[in-house]
Amino acid sequence: LAASGDLMGEAPRCEHKPDTDRGQGSGVRNKKTEIIWEEEASERL
């Protein structure tokens, strides 16, 4: 935000060059696999 005025802008001071084959390349977080919780695990949480 300070560098570009855009809250979603590219973060400065980062040396990493993305691996576009592994990254999402769409501007949104990777689509996540749906996770199902077993009832006992849910109770433990």
Full PDB file with SEQRES, HELIX, SHEET, SSBOND, CRYST1, ORIGX, SCALE, CONECT and MASTER records, all heavy atoms in Angstrom:
SEQRES   1 A   45  LEU ALA ALA SER GLY ASP LEU MET GLY GLU ALA PRO ARG          
SEQRES   2 A   45  CYS GLU HIS LYS PRO ASP THR ASP ARG GLY GLN GLY SER          
SEQRES   3 A   45  GLY VAL ARG ASN LYS LYS THR GLU ILE ILE TRP GLU GLU          
SEQRES   4 A   45  GLU ALA SER GLU ARG LEU                                      
HELIX    1 AA1 GLU A   39  ARG A   44  1                                   6    
CRYST1    1.000    1.000    1.000  90.00  90.00  90.00 P 1           1          
ORIGX1      1.000000  0.000000  0.000000        0.00000                         
ORIGX2      0.000000  1.000000  0.000000        0.00000                         
ORIGX3      0.000000  0.000000  1.000000        0.00000                         
SCALE1      1.000000  0.000000  0.000000        0.00000                         
SCALE2      0.000000  1.000000  0.000000        0.00000                         
SCALE3      0.000000  0.000000  1.000000        0.00000                         
ATOM      1  N   LEU A   1       0.829  -1.208   0.000  1.00  0.00           N  
ATOM      2  CA  LEU A   1       0.000   0.000   0.000  1.00  0.00           C  
ATOM      3  C   LEU A   1       0.863   1.258   0.000  1.00  0.00           C  
ATOM      4  O   LEU A   1       0.590   2.209  -0.739  1.00  0.00           O  
ATOM      5  CB  LEU A   1      -0.920  -0.014   1.224  1.00  0.00           C  
ATOM      6  CG  LEU A   1      -1.903   1.144   1.358  1.00  0.00           C  
ATOM      7  CD1 LEU A   1      -2.911   1.132   0.213  1.00  0.00           C  
ATOM      8  CD2 LEU A   1      -2.639   1.069   2.697  1.00  0.00           C  
ATOM      9  N   ALA A   2       1.926   1.251   0.832  1.00  0.00           N  
ATOM     10  CA  ALA A   2       2.801   2.422   0.912  1.00  0.00           C  
ATOM     11  C   ALA A   2       3.561   2.650  -0.387  1.00  0.00           C  
ATOM     12  O   ALA A   2       3.787   3.793  -0.794  1.00  0.00           O  
ATOM     13  CB  ALA A   2       3.785   2.254   2.069  1.00  0.00           C  
ATOM     14  N   ALA A   3       3.944   1.556  -1.063  1.00  0.00           N  
ATOM     15  CA  ALA A   3       4.766   1.674  -2.267  1.00  0.00           C  
ATOM     16  C   ALA A   3       3.955   2.005  -3.513  1.00  0.00           C  
ATOM     17  O   ALA A   3       4.411   2.757  -4.383  1.00  0.00           O  
ATOM     18  CB  ALA A   3       5.548   0.377  -2.487  1.00  0.00           C  
ATOM     19  N   SER A   4       2.743   1.431  -3.610  1.00  0.00           N  
ATOM     20  CA  SER A   4       1.984   1.561  -4.855  1.00  0.00           C  
ATOM     21  C   SER A   4       0.601   2.174  -4.688  1.00  0.00           C  
ATOM     22  O   SER A   4      -0.054   2.512  -5.679  1.00  0.00           O  
ATOM     23  CB  SER A   4       1.827   0.177  -5.507  1.00  0.00           C  
ATOM     24  OG  SER A   4       0.984  -0.652  -4.716  1.00  0.00           O  
ATOM     25  N   GLY A   5       0.138   2.291  -3.451  1.00  0.00           N  
ATOM     26  CA  GLY A   5      -1.217   2.775  -3.230  1.00  0.00           C  
ATOM     27  C   GLY A   5      -2.263   1.698  -3.397  1.00  0.00           C  
ATOM     28  O   GLY A   5      -3.458   1.955  -3.265  1.00  0.00           O  
ATOM     29  N   ASP A   6      -1.817   0.460  -3.681  1.00  0.00           N  
ATOM     30  CA  ASP A   6      -2.725  -0.664  -3.913  1.00  0.00           C  
ATOM     31  C   ASP A   6      -2.532  -1.692  -2.806  1.00  0.00           C  
ATOM     32  O   ASP A   6      -1.457  -2.275  -2.664  1.00  0.00           O  
ATOM     33  CB  ASP A   6      -2.437  -1.290  -5.275  1.00  0.00           C  
ATOM     34  CG  ASP A   6      -3.422  -2.405  -5.642  1.00  0.00           C  
ATOM     35  OD1 ASP A   6      -4.262  -2.764  -4.786  1.00  0.00           O  
ATOM     36  OD2 ASP A   6      -3.345  -2.920  -6.769  1.00  0.00           O  
ATOM     37  N   LEU A   7      -3.571  -1.924  -2.019  1.00  0.00           N  
ATOM     38  CA  LEU A   7      -3.501  -2.876  -0.921  1.00  0.00           C  
ATOM     39  C   LEU A   7      -3.149  -4.279  -1.400  1.00  0.00           C  
ATOM     40  O   LEU A   7      -2.493  -5.047  -0.687  1.00  0.00           O  
ATOM     41  CB  LEU A   7      -4.842  -2.900  -0.175  1.00  0.00           C  
ATOM     42  CG  LEU A   7      -4.927  -3.706   1.120  1.00  0.00           C  
ATOM     43  CD1 LEU A   7      -3.983  -3.143   2.175  1.00  0.00           C  
ATOM     44  CD2 LEU A   7      -6.360  -3.718   1.642  1.00  0.00           C  
ATOM     45  N   MET A   8      -3.556  -4.615  -2.610  1.00  0.00           N  
ATOM     46  CA  MET A   8      -3.289  -5.946  -3.158  1.00  0.00           C  
ATOM     47  C   MET A   8      -2.077  -5.951  -4.095  1.00  0.00           C  
ATOM     48  O   MET A   8      -1.826  -6.929  -4.803  1.00  0.00           O  
ATOM     49  CB  MET A   8      -4.517  -6.454  -3.920  1.00  0.00           C  
ATOM     50  CG  MET A   8      -5.725  -6.725  -3.047  1.00  0.00           C  
ATOM     51  SD  MET A   8      -5.483  -8.137  -1.930  1.00  0.00           S  
ATOM     52  CE  MET A   8      -5.445  -7.310  -0.339  1.00  0.00           C  
ATOM     53  N   GLY A   9      -1.336  -4.858  -4.105  1.00  0.00           N  
ATOM     54  CA  GLY A   9      -0.208  -4.734  -5.013  1.00  0.00           C  
ATOM     55  C   GLY A   9       0.940  -5.674  -4.699  1.00  0.00           C  
ATOM     56  O   GLY A   9       0.975  -6.337  -3.659  1.00  0.00           O  
ATOM     57  N   GLU A  10       1.892  -5.714  -5.608  1.00  0.00           N  
ATOM     58  CA  GLU A  10       3.079  -6.551  -5.432  1.00  0.00           C  
ATOM     59  C   GLU A  10       3.877  -6.051  -4.236  1.00  0.00           C  
ATOM     60  O   GLU A  10       4.146  -4.862  -4.102  1.00  0.00           O  
ATOM     61  CB  GLU A  10       3.924  -6.500  -6.703  1.00  0.00           C  
ATOM     62  CG  GLU A  10       5.189  -7.324  -6.646  1.00  0.00           C  
ATOM     63  CD  GLU A  10       5.927  -7.303  -7.983  1.00  0.00           C  
ATOM     64  OE1 GLU A  10       5.362  -7.792  -8.975  1.00  0.00           O  
ATOM     65  OE2 GLU A  10       7.057  -6.793  -8.029  1.00  0.00           O  
ATOM     66  N   ALA A  11       4.248  -6.974  -3.355  1.00  0.00           N  
ATOM     67  CA  ALA A  11       4.996  -6.589  -2.161  1.00  0.00           C  
ATOM     68  C   ALA A  11       6.434  -6.249  -2.524  1.00  0.00           C  
ATOM     69  O   ALA A  11       7.123  -7.054  -3.160  1.00  0.00           O  
ATOM     70  CB  ALA A  11       4.968  -7.712  -1.136  1.00  0.00           C  
ATOM     71  N   PRO A  12       6.909  -5.079  -2.140  1.00  0.00           N  
ATOM     72  CA  PRO A  12       8.307  -4.729  -2.416  1.00  0.00           C  
ATOM     73  C   PRO A  12       9.257  -5.476  -1.481  1.00  0.00           C  
ATOM     74  O   PRO A  12       8.832  -6.130  -0.539  1.00  0.00           O  
ATOM     75  CB  PRO A  12       8.342  -3.222  -2.143  1.00  0.00           C  
ATOM     76  CG  PRO A  12       7.255  -2.997  -1.147  1.00  0.00           C  
ATOM     77  CD  PRO A  12       6.180  -4.003  -1.474  1.00  0.00           C  
ATOM     78  N   ARG A  13      10.546  -5.378  -1.764  1.00  0.00           N  
ATOM     79  CA  ARG A  13      11.611  -5.959  -0.941  1.00  0.00           C  
ATOM     80  C   ARG A  13      11.623  -7.485  -0.961  1.00  0.00           C  
ATOM     81  O   ARG A  13      12.122  -8.114  -0.045  1.00  0.00           O  
ATOM     82  CB  ARG A  13      11.510  -5.481   0.511  1.00  0.00           C  
ATOM     83  CG  ARG A  13      11.665  -3.974   0.682  1.00  0.00           C  
ATOM     84  CD  ARG A  13      13.085  -3.542   0.292  1.00  0.00           C  
ATOM     85  NE  ARG A  13      13.307  -2.124   0.477  1.00  0.00           N  
ATOM     86  CZ  ARG A  13      13.144  -1.206  -0.463  1.00  0.00           C  
ATOM     87  NH1 ARG A  13      12.721  -1.561  -1.670  1.00  0.00           N  
ATOM     88  NH2 ARG A  13      13.405   0.051  -0.231  1.00  0.00           N  
ATOM     89  N   CYS A  14      11.051  -8.090  -2.000  1.00  0.00           N  
ATOM     90  CA  CYS A  14      11.063  -9.553  -2.105  1.00  0.00           C  
ATOM     91  C   CYS A  14      11.923  -9.978  -3.280  1.00  0.00           C  
ATOM     92  O   CYS A  14      11.697  -9.546  -4.414  1.00  0.00           O  
ATOM     93  CB  CYS A  14       9.649 -10.102  -2.280  1.00  0.00           C  
ATOM     94  SG  CYS A  14       9.605 -11.909  -2.406  1.00  0.00           S  
ATOM     95  N   GLU A  15      12.899 -10.823  -3.017  1.00  0.00           N  
ATOM     96  CA  GLU A  15      13.833 -11.301  -4.040  1.00  0.00           C  
ATOM     97  C   GLU A  15      13.322 -12.522  -4.798  1.00  0.00           C  
ATOM     98  O   GLU A  15      13.875 -12.887  -5.828  1.00  0.00           O  
ATOM     99  CB  GLU A  15      15.165 -11.662  -3.371  1.00  0.00           C  
ATOM    100  CG  GLU A  15      16.068 -10.495  -3.059  1.00  0.00           C  
ATOM    101  CD  GLU A  15      16.837 -10.049  -4.286  1.00  0.00           C  
ATOM    102  OE1 GLU A  15      17.916 -10.615  -4.564  1.00  0.00           O  
ATOM    103  OE2 GLU A  15      16.339  -9.150  -4.984  1.00  0.00           O  
ATOM    104  N   HIS A  16      12.261 -13.149  -4.271  1.00  0.00           N  
ATOM    105  CA  HIS A  16      11.822 -14.414  -4.849  1.00  0.00           C  
ATOM    106  C   HIS A  16      11.176 -14.231  -6.215  1.00  0.00           C  
ATOM    107  O   HIS A  16      10.353 -13.343  -6.419  1.00  0.00           O  
ATOM    108  CB  HIS A  16      10.823 -15.091  -3.913  1.00  0.00           C  
ATOM    109  CG  HIS A  16      10.311 -16.395  -4.422  1.00  0.00           C  
ATOM    110  ND1 HIS A  16      11.126 -17.488  -4.624  1.00  0.00           N  
ATOM    111  CD2 HIS A  16       9.058 -16.783  -4.792  1.00  0.00           C  
ATOM    112  CE1 HIS A  16      10.395 -18.495  -5.085  1.00  0.00           C  
ATOM    113  NE2 HIS A  16       9.152 -18.098  -5.194  1.00  0.00           N  
ATOM    114  N   LYS A  17      11.571 -15.097  -7.146  1.00  0.00           N  
ATOM    115  CA  LYS A  17      10.950 -15.129  -8.473  1.00  0.00           C  
ATOM    116  C   LYS A  17      10.009 -16.320  -8.506  1.00  0.00           C  
ATOM    117  O   LYS A  17      10.449 -17.471  -8.434  1.00  0.00           O  
ATOM    118  CB  LYS A  17      12.016 -15.240  -9.567  1.00  0.00           C  
ATOM    119  CG  LYS A  17      12.915 -14.002  -9.669  1.00  0.00           C  
ATOM    120  CD  LYS A  17      13.952 -14.171 -10.760  1.00  0.00           C  
ATOM    121  CE  LYS A  17      14.738 -12.876 -10.968  1.00  0.00           C  
ATOM    122  NZ  LYS A  17      15.392 -12.418  -9.715  1.00  0.00           N  
ATOM    123  N   PRO A  18       8.703 -16.092  -8.620  1.00  0.00           N  
ATOM    124  CA  PRO A  18       7.726 -17.177  -8.533  1.00  0.00           C  
ATOM    125  C   PRO A  18       7.931 -18.254  -9.581  1.00  0.00           C  
ATOM    126  O   PRO A  18       8.330 -17.975 -10.720  1.00  0.00           O  
ATOM    127  CB  PRO A  18       6.385 -16.463  -8.747  1.00  0.00           C  
ATOM    128  CG  PRO A  18       6.644 -15.049  -8.375  1.00  0.00           C  
ATOM    129  CD  PRO A  18       8.063 -14.776  -8.787  1.00  0.00           C  
ATOM    130  N   ASP A  19       7.656 -19.476  -9.176  1.00  0.00           N  
ATOM    131  CA  ASP A  19       7.600 -20.602 -10.096  1.00  0.00           C  
ATOM    132  C   ASP A  19       6.182 -20.632 -10.650  1.00  0.00           C  
ATOM    133  O   ASP A  19       5.255 -21.131 -10.006  1.00  0.00           O  
ATOM    134  CB  ASP A  19       7.925 -21.898  -9.337  1.00  0.00           C  
ATOM    135  CG  ASP A  19       7.910 -23.117 -10.241  1.00  0.00           C  
ATOM    136  OD1 ASP A  19       7.411 -23.021 -11.376  1.00  0.00           O  
ATOM    137  OD2 ASP A  19       8.393 -24.183  -9.806  1.00  0.00           O  
ATOM    138  N   THR A  20       5.987 -20.073 -11.815  1.00  0.00           N  
ATOM    139  CA  THR A  20       4.629 -19.912 -12.358  1.00  0.00           C  
ATOM    140  C   THR A  20       3.962 -21.244 -12.673  1.00  0.00           C  
ATOM    141  O   THR A  20       2.738 -21.313 -12.811  1.00  0.00           O  
ATOM    142  CB  THR A  20       4.642 -19.049 -13.627  1.00  0.00           C  
ATOM    143  OG1 THR A  20       5.587 -19.593 -14.560  1.00  0.00           O  
ATOM    144  CG2 THR A  20       5.038 -17.622 -13.284  1.00  0.00           C  
ATOM    145  N   ASP A  21       4.756 -22.312 -12.780  1.00  0.00           N  
ATOM    146  CA  ASP A  21       4.152 -23.632 -13.000  1.00  0.00           C  
ATOM    147  C   ASP A  21       3.471 -24.139 -11.737  1.00  0.00           C  
ATOM    148  O   ASP A  21       2.544 -24.931 -11.785  1.00  0.00           O  
ATOM    149  CB  ASP A  21       5.207 -24.648 -13.440  1.00  0.00           C  
ATOM    150  CG  ASP A  21       5.728 -24.359 -14.830  1.00  0.00           C  
ATOM    151  OD1 ASP A  21       4.967 -23.775 -15.623  1.00  0.00           O  
ATOM    152  OD2 ASP A  21       6.886 -24.705 -15.119  1.00  0.00           O  
ATOM    153  N   ARG A  22       3.990 -23.660 -10.572  1.00  0.00           N  
ATOM    154  CA  ARG A  22       3.415 -24.091  -9.292  1.00  0.00           C  
ATOM    155  C   ARG A  22       2.465 -23.052  -8.720  1.00  0.00           C  
ATOM    156  O   ARG A  22       1.557 -23.369  -7.972  1.00  0.00           O  
ATOM    157  CB  ARG A  22       4.538 -24.364  -8.282  1.00  0.00           C  
ATOM    158  CG  ARG A  22       5.431 -25.524  -8.655  1.00  0.00           C  
ATOM    159  CD  ARG A  22       6.603 -25.619  -7.696  1.00  0.00           C  
ATOM    160  NE  ARG A  22       6.149 -25.792  -6.331  1.00  0.00           N  
ATOM    161  CZ  ARG A  22       6.926 -25.601  -5.263  1.00  0.00           C  
ATOM    162  NH1 ARG A  22       8.175 -25.206  -5.422  1.00  0.00           N  
ATOM    163  NH2 ARG A  22       6.458 -25.791  -4.049  1.00  0.00           N  
ATOM    164  N   GLY A  23       2.670 -21.789  -9.067  1.00  0.00           N  
ATOM    165  CA  GLY A  23       1.813 -20.724  -8.554  1.00  0.00           C  
ATOM    166  C   GLY A  23       0.480 -20.711  -9.273  1.00  0.00           C  
ATOM    167  O   GLY A  23       0.279 -21.386 -10.279  1.00  0.00           O  
ATOM    168  N   GLN A  24      -0.469 -19.900  -8.767  1.00  0.00           N  
ATOM    169  CA  GLN A  24      -1.794 -19.913  -9.356  1.00  0.00           C  
ATOM    170  C   GLN A  24      -1.902 -19.027 -10.585  1.00  0.00           C  
ATOM    171  O   GLN A  24      -2.676 -19.296 -11.473  1.00  0.00           O  
ATOM    172  CB  GLN A  24      -2.856 -19.511  -8.312  1.00  0.00           C  
ATOM    173  CG  GLN A  24      -2.704 -18.122  -7.744  1.00  0.00           C  
ATOM    174  CD  GLN A  24      -1.830 -18.113  -6.511  1.00  0.00           C  
ATOM    175  OE1 GLN A  24      -0.968 -18.978  -6.342  1.00  0.00           O  
ATOM    176  NE2 GLN A  24      -2.021 -17.145  -5.654  1.00  0.00           N  
ATOM    177  N   GLY A  25      -1.173 -17.936 -10.640  1.00  0.00           N  
ATOM    178  CA  GLY A  25      -1.151 -17.085 -11.817  1.00  0.00           C  
ATOM    179  C   GLY A  25      -2.445 -16.379 -12.144  1.00  0.00           C  
ATOM    180  O   GLY A  25      -2.631 -15.903 -13.243  1.00  0.00           O  
ATOM    181  N   SER A  26      -3.362 -16.309 -11.166  1.00  0.00           N  
ATOM    182  CA  SER A  26      -4.656 -15.693 -11.456  1.00  0.00           C  
ATOM    183  C   SER A  26      -4.985 -14.531 -10.536  1.00  0.00           C  
ATOM    184  O   SER A  26      -6.036 -13.918 -10.673  1.00  0.00           O  
ATOM    185  CB  SER A  26      -5.766 -16.746 -11.322  1.00  0.00           C  
ATOM    186  OG  SER A  26      -5.816 -17.233  -9.998  1.00  0.00           O  
ATOM    187  N   GLY A  27      -4.082 -14.228  -9.617  1.00  0.00           N  
ATOM    188  CA  GLY A  27      -4.332 -13.125  -8.697  1.00  0.00           C  
ATOM    189  C   GLY A  27      -5.157 -13.496  -7.489  1.00  0.00           C  
ATOM    190  O   GLY A  27      -5.492 -12.666  -6.676  1.00  0.00           O  
ATOM    191  N   VAL A  28      -5.515 -14.767  -7.358  1.00  0.00           N  
ATOM    192  CA  VAL A  28      -6.254 -15.219  -6.182  1.00  0.00           C  
ATOM    193  C   VAL A  28      -5.513 -16.387  -5.560  1.00  0.00           C  
ATOM    194  O   VAL A  28      -4.642 -16.990  -6.168  1.00  0.00           O  
ATOM    195  CB  VAL A  28      -7.694 -15.666  -6.549  1.00  0.00           C  
ATOM    196  CG1 VAL A  28      -8.472 -14.507  -7.085  1.00  0.00           C  
ATOM    197  CG2 VAL A  28      -7.678 -16.812  -7.569  1.00  0.00           C  
ATOM    198  N   ARG A  29      -5.889 -16.710  -4.344  1.00  0.00           N  
ATOM    199  CA  ARG A  29      -5.230 -17.833  -3.680  1.00  0.00           C  
ATOM    200  C   ARG A  29      -5.545 -19.126  -4.419  1.00  0.00           C  
ATOM    201  O   ARG A  29      -6.565 -19.260  -5.090  1.00  0.00           O  
ATOM    202  CB  ARG A  29      -5.716 -17.956  -2.228  1.00  0.00           C  
ATOM    203  CG  ARG A  29      -5.222 -16.843  -1.333  1.00  0.00           C  
ATOM    204  CD  ARG A  29      -5.506 -17.237   0.108  1.00  0.00           C  
ATOM    205  NE  ARG A  29      -5.228 -16.153   1.032  1.00  0.00           N  
ATOM    206  CZ  ARG A  29      -4.045 -15.893   1.533  1.00  0.00           C  
ATOM    207  NH1 ARG A  29      -3.016 -16.631   1.188  1.00  0.00           N  
ATOM    208  NH2 ARG A  29      -3.864 -14.895   2.373  1.00  0.00           N  
ATOM    209  N   ASN A  30      -4.644 -20.114  -4.276  1.00  0.00           N  
ATOM    210  CA  ASN A  30      -4.867 -21.404  -4.898  1.00  0.00           C  
ATOM    211  C   ASN A  30      -6.222 -21.976  -4.486  1.00  0.00           C  
ATOM    212  O   ASN A  30      -6.646 -21.839  -3.338  1.00  0.00           O  
ATOM    213  CB  ASN A  30      -3.790 -22.405  -4.445  1.00  0.00           C  
ATOM    214  CG  ASN A  30      -2.438 -22.052  -5.006  1.00  0.00           C  
ATOM    215  OD1 ASN A  30      -2.344 -21.509  -6.092  1.00  0.00           O  
ATOM    216  ND2 ASN A  30      -1.400 -22.354  -4.256  1.00  0.00           N  
ATOM    217  N   LYS A  31      -6.893 -22.610  -5.436  1.00  0.00           N  
ATOM    218  CA  LYS A  31      -8.139 -23.278  -5.106  1.00  0.00           C  
ATOM    219  C   LYS A  31      -7.841 -24.405  -4.140  1.00  0.00           C  
ATOM    220  O   LYS A  31      -6.992 -25.254  -4.394  1.00  0.00           O  
ATOM    221  CB  LYS A  31      -8.800 -23.835  -6.370  1.00  0.00           C  
ATOM    222  CG  LYS A  31     -10.163 -24.453  -6.104  1.00  0.00           C  
ATOM    223  CD  LYS A  31     -10.810 -24.928  -7.373  1.00  0.00           C  
ATOM    224  CE  LYS A  31     -12.170 -25.530  -7.095  1.00  0.00           C  
ATOM    225  NZ  LYS A  31     -12.821 -26.026  -8.328  1.00  0.00           N  
ATOM    226  N   LYS A  32      -8.554 -24.424  -3.007  1.00  0.00           N  
ATOM    227  CA  LYS A  32      -8.226 -25.365  -1.958  1.00  0.00           C  
ATOM    228  C   LYS A  32      -9.119 -26.590  -2.017  1.00  0.00           C  
ATOM    229  O   LYS A  32     -10.318 -26.504  -2.276  1.00  0.00           O  
ATOM    230  CB  LYS A  32      -8.369 -24.686  -0.594  1.00  0.00           C  
ATOM    231  CG  LYS A  32      -7.373 -23.553  -0.397  1.00  0.00           C  
ATOM    232  CD  LYS A  32      -7.572 -22.908   0.948  1.00  0.00           C  
ATOM    233  CE  LYS A  32      -6.557 -21.798   1.179  1.00  0.00           C  
ATOM    234  NZ  LYS A  32      -6.760 -21.117   2.471  1.00  0.00           N  
ATOM    235  N   THR A  33      -8.514 -27.742  -1.771  1.00  0.00           N  
ATOM    236  CA  THR A  33      -9.264 -28.979  -1.674  1.00  0.00           C  
ATOM    237  C   THR A  33     -10.227 -28.884  -0.501  1.00  0.00           C  
ATOM    238  O   THR A  33      -9.870 -28.425   0.584  1.00  0.00           O  
ATOM    239  CB  THR A  33      -8.305 -30.162  -1.442  1.00  0.00           C  
ATOM    240  OG1 THR A  33      -7.347 -30.187  -2.490  1.00  0.00           O  
ATOM    241  CG2 THR A  33      -9.067 -31.473  -1.386  1.00  0.00           C  
ATOM    242  N   GLU A  34     -11.468 -29.305  -0.703  1.00  0.00           N  
ATOM    243  CA  GLU A  34     -12.437 -29.279   0.389  1.00  0.00           C  
ATOM    244  C   GLU A  34     -12.003 -30.257   1.472  1.00  0.00           C  
ATOM    245  O   GLU A  34     -11.654 -31.408   1.199  1.00  0.00           O  
ATOM    246  CB  GLU A  34     -13.830 -29.648  -0.121  1.00  0.00           C  
ATOM    247  CG  GLU A  34     -14.880 -29.615   0.976  1.00  0.00           C  
ATOM    248  CD  GLU A  34     -16.254 -30.014   0.469  1.00  0.00           C  
ATOM    249  OE1 GLU A  34     -16.361 -30.397  -0.709  1.00  0.00           O  
ATOM    250  OE2 GLU A  34     -17.206 -29.948   1.269  1.00  0.00           O  
ATOM    251  N   ILE A  35     -11.998 -29.791   2.690  1.00  0.00           N  
ATOM    252  CA  ILE A  35     -11.587 -30.615   3.819  1.00  0.00           C  
ATOM    253  C   ILE A  35     -12.813 -30.973   4.657  1.00  0.00           C  
ATOM    254  O   ILE A  35     -13.594 -30.093   5.045  1.00  0.00           O  
ATOM    255  CB  ILE A  35     -10.553 -29.883   4.702  1.00  0.00           C  
ATOM    256  CG1 ILE A  35      -9.274 -29.598   3.901  1.00  0.00           C  
ATOM    257  CG2 ILE A  35     -10.230 -30.703   5.945  1.00  0.00           C  
ATOM    258  CD1 ILE A  35      -8.481 -30.825   3.509  1.00  0.00           C  
ATOM    259  N   ILE A  36     -12.979 -32.247   4.934  1.00  0.00           N  
ATOM    260  CA  ILE A  36     -14.071 -32.735   5.765  1.00  0.00           C  
ATOM    261  C   ILE A  36     -13.504 -33.161   7.119  1.00  0.00           C  
ATOM    262  O   ILE A  36     -12.479 -33.840   7.188  1.00  0.00           O  
ATOM    263  CB  ILE A  36     -14.782 -33.934   5.115  1.00  0.00           C  
ATOM    264  CG1 ILE A  36     -15.315 -33.553   3.730  1.00  0.00           C  
ATOM    265  CG2 ILE A  36     -15.913 -34.437   6.017  1.00  0.00           C  
ATOM    266  CD1 ILE A  36     -16.365 -32.470   3.750  1.00  0.00           C  
ATOM    267  N   TRP A  37     -14.161 -32.743   8.172  1.00  0.00           N  
ATOM    268  CA  TRP A  37     -13.740 -33.090   9.529  1.00  0.00           C  
ATOM    269  C   TRP A  37     -14.588 -34.242  10.065  1.00  0.00           C  
ATOM    270  O   TRP A  37     -15.816 -34.185  10.022  1.00  0.00           O  
ATOM    271  CB  TRP A  37     -13.902 -31.888  10.457  1.00  0.00           C  
ATOM    272  CG  TRP A  37     -12.853 -30.826  10.264  1.00  0.00           C  
ATOM    273  CD1 TRP A  37     -12.683 -30.019   9.180  1.00  0.00           C  
ATOM    274  CD2 TRP A  37     -11.839 -30.464  11.197  1.00  0.00           C  
ATOM    275  NE1 TRP A  37     -11.630 -29.174   9.362  1.00  0.00           N  
ATOM    276  CE2 TRP A  37     -11.085 -29.410  10.600  1.00  0.00           C  
ATOM    277  CE3 TRP A  37     -11.495 -30.897  12.476  1.00  0.00           C  
ATOM    278  CZ2 TRP A  37     -10.004 -28.809  11.246  1.00  0.00           C  
ATOM    279  CZ3 TRP A  37     -10.425 -30.294  13.130  1.00  0.00           C  
ATOM    280  CH2 TRP A  37      -9.693 -29.275  12.512  1.00  0.00           C  
ATOM    281  N   GLU A  38     -13.931 -35.291  10.571  1.00  0.00           N  
ATOM    282  CA  GLU A  38     -14.671 -36.327  11.272  1.00  0.00           C  
ATOM    283  C   GLU A  38     -15.236 -35.739  12.561  1.00  0.00           C  
ATOM    284  O   GLU A  38     -14.649 -34.836  13.158  1.00  0.00           O  
ATOM    285  CB  GLU A  38     -13.771 -37.522  11.577  1.00  0.00           C  
ATOM    286  CG  GLU A  38     -13.362 -38.284  10.330  1.00  0.00           C  
ATOM    287  CD  GLU A  38     -12.645 -39.590  10.652  1.00  0.00           C  
ATOM    288  OE1 GLU A  38     -12.382 -39.839  11.851  1.00  0.00           O  
ATOM    289  OE2 GLU A  38     -12.361 -40.352   9.712  1.00  0.00           O  
ATOM    290  N   GLU A  39     -16.375 -36.237  12.975  1.00  0.00           N  
ATOM    291  CA  GLU A  39     -17.071 -35.642  14.115  1.00  0.00           C  
ATOM    292  C   GLU A  39     -16.199 -35.632  15.371  1.00  0.00           C  
ATOM    293  O   GLU A  39     -16.174 -34.646  16.117  1.00  0.00           O  
ATOM    294  CB  GLU A  39     -18.364 -36.413  14.380  1.00  0.00           C  
ATOM    295  CG  GLU A  39     -19.221 -35.767  15.458  1.00  0.00           C  
ATOM    296  CD  GLU A  39     -20.578 -36.434  15.590  1.00  0.00           C  
ATOM    297  OE1 GLU A  39     -20.911 -37.279  14.741  1.00  0.00           O  
ATOM    298  OE2 GLU A  39     -21.290 -36.093  16.545  1.00  0.00           O  
ATOM    299  N   GLU A  40     -15.457 -36.696  15.610  1.00  0.00           N  
ATOM    300  CA  GLU A  40     -14.604 -36.765  16.796  1.00  0.00           C  
ATOM    301  C   GLU A  40     -13.496 -35.715  16.736  1.00  0.00           C  
ATOM    302  O   GLU A  40     -13.142 -35.097  17.748  1.00  0.00           O  
ATOM    303  CB  GLU A  40     -14.006 -38.165  16.933  1.00  0.00           C  
ATOM    304  CG  GLU A  40     -13.285 -38.385  18.253  1.00  0.00           C  
ATOM    305  CD  GLU A  40     -12.770 -39.807  18.403  1.00  0.00           C  
ATOM    306  OE1 GLU A  40     -13.256 -40.706  17.679  1.00  0.00           O  
ATOM    307  OE2 GLU A  40     -11.870 -40.017  19.242  1.00  0.00           O  
ATOM    308  N   ALA A  41     -12.963 -35.496  15.530  1.00  0.00           N  
ATOM    309  CA  ALA A  41     -11.929 -34.473  15.362  1.00  0.00           C  
ATOM    310  C   ALA A  41     -12.519 -33.087  15.579  1.00  0.00           C  
ATOM    311  O   ALA A  41     -11.890 -32.206  16.188  1.00  0.00           O  
ATOM    312  CB  ALA A  41     -11.315 -34.578  13.970  1.00  0.00           C  
ATOM    313  N   SER A  42     -13.737 -32.888  15.072  1.00  0.00           N  
ATOM    314  CA  SER A  42     -14.416 -31.609  15.260  1.00  0.00           C  
ATOM    315  C   SER A  42     -14.634 -31.319  16.736  1.00  0.00           C  
ATOM    316  O   SER A  42     -14.450 -30.190  17.208  1.00  0.00           O  
ATOM    317  CB  SER A  42     -15.757 -31.625  14.513  1.00  0.00           C  
ATOM    318  OG  SER A  42     -16.477 -30.442  14.741  1.00  0.00           O  
ATOM    319  N   GLU A  43     -15.013 -32.346  17.504  1.00  0.00           N  
ATOM    320  CA  GLU A  43     -15.208 -32.176  18.942  1.00  0.00           C  
ATOM    321  C   GLU A  43     -13.891 -31.863  19.635  1.00  0.00           C  
ATOM    322  O   GLU A  43     -13.833 -31.046  20.556  1.00  0.00           O  
ATOM    323  CB  GLU A  43     -15.836 -33.445  19.536  1.00  0.00           C  
ATOM    324  CG  GLU A  43     -17.293 -33.641  19.178  1.00  0.00           C  
ATOM    325  CD  GLU A  43     -18.169 -32.507  19.688  1.00  0.00           C  
ATOM    326  OE1 GLU A  43     -18.005 -32.123  20.864  1.00  0.00           O  
ATOM    327  OE2 GLU A  43     -18.988 -31.992  18.907  1.00  0.00           O  
ATOM    328  N   ARG A  44     -12.821 -32.496  19.176  1.00  0.00           N  
ATOM    329  CA  ARG A  44     -11.512 -32.257  19.785  1.00  0.00           C  
ATOM    330  C   ARG A  44     -11.067 -30.806  19.551  1.00  0.00           C  
ATOM    331  O   ARG A  44     -10.436 -30.196  20.411  1.00  0.00           O  
ATOM    332  CB  ARG A  44     -10.487 -33.231  19.202  1.00  0.00           C  
ATOM    333  CG  ARG A  44      -9.091 -33.056  19.767  1.00  0.00           C  
ATOM    334  CD  ARG A  44      -8.193 -34.217  19.395  1.00  0.00           C  
ATOM    335  NE  ARG A  44      -6.843 -33.997  19.896  1.00  0.00           N  
ATOM    336  CZ  ARG A  44      -5.913 -34.940  19.954  1.00  0.00           C  
ATOM    337  NH1 ARG A  44      -6.185 -36.169  19.567  1.00  0.00           N  
ATOM    338  NH2 ARG A  44      -4.707 -34.660  20.414  1.00  0.00           N  
ATOM    339  N   LEU A  45     -11.404 -30.266  18.390  1.00  0.00           N  
ATOM    340  CA  LEU A  45     -11.030 -28.885  18.081  1.00  0.00           C  
ATOM    341  C   LEU A  45     -11.653 -27.907  19.079  1.00  0.00           C  
ATOM    342  O   LEU A  45     -11.086 -26.855  19.369  1.00  0.00           O  
ATOM    343  CB  LEU A  45     -11.466 -28.534  16.656  1.00  0.00           C  
ATOM    344  CG  LEU A  45     -11.042 -27.154  16.138  1.00  0.00           C  
ATOM    345  CD1 LEU A  45      -9.528 -27.055  16.010  1.00  0.00           C  
ATOM    346  CD2 LEU A  45     -11.701 -26.859  14.799  1.00  0.00           C  
TER     347      LEU A  45                                                      
MASTER        0    0    0    1    0    0    0    6  346    1    0    4          
END                                                                             
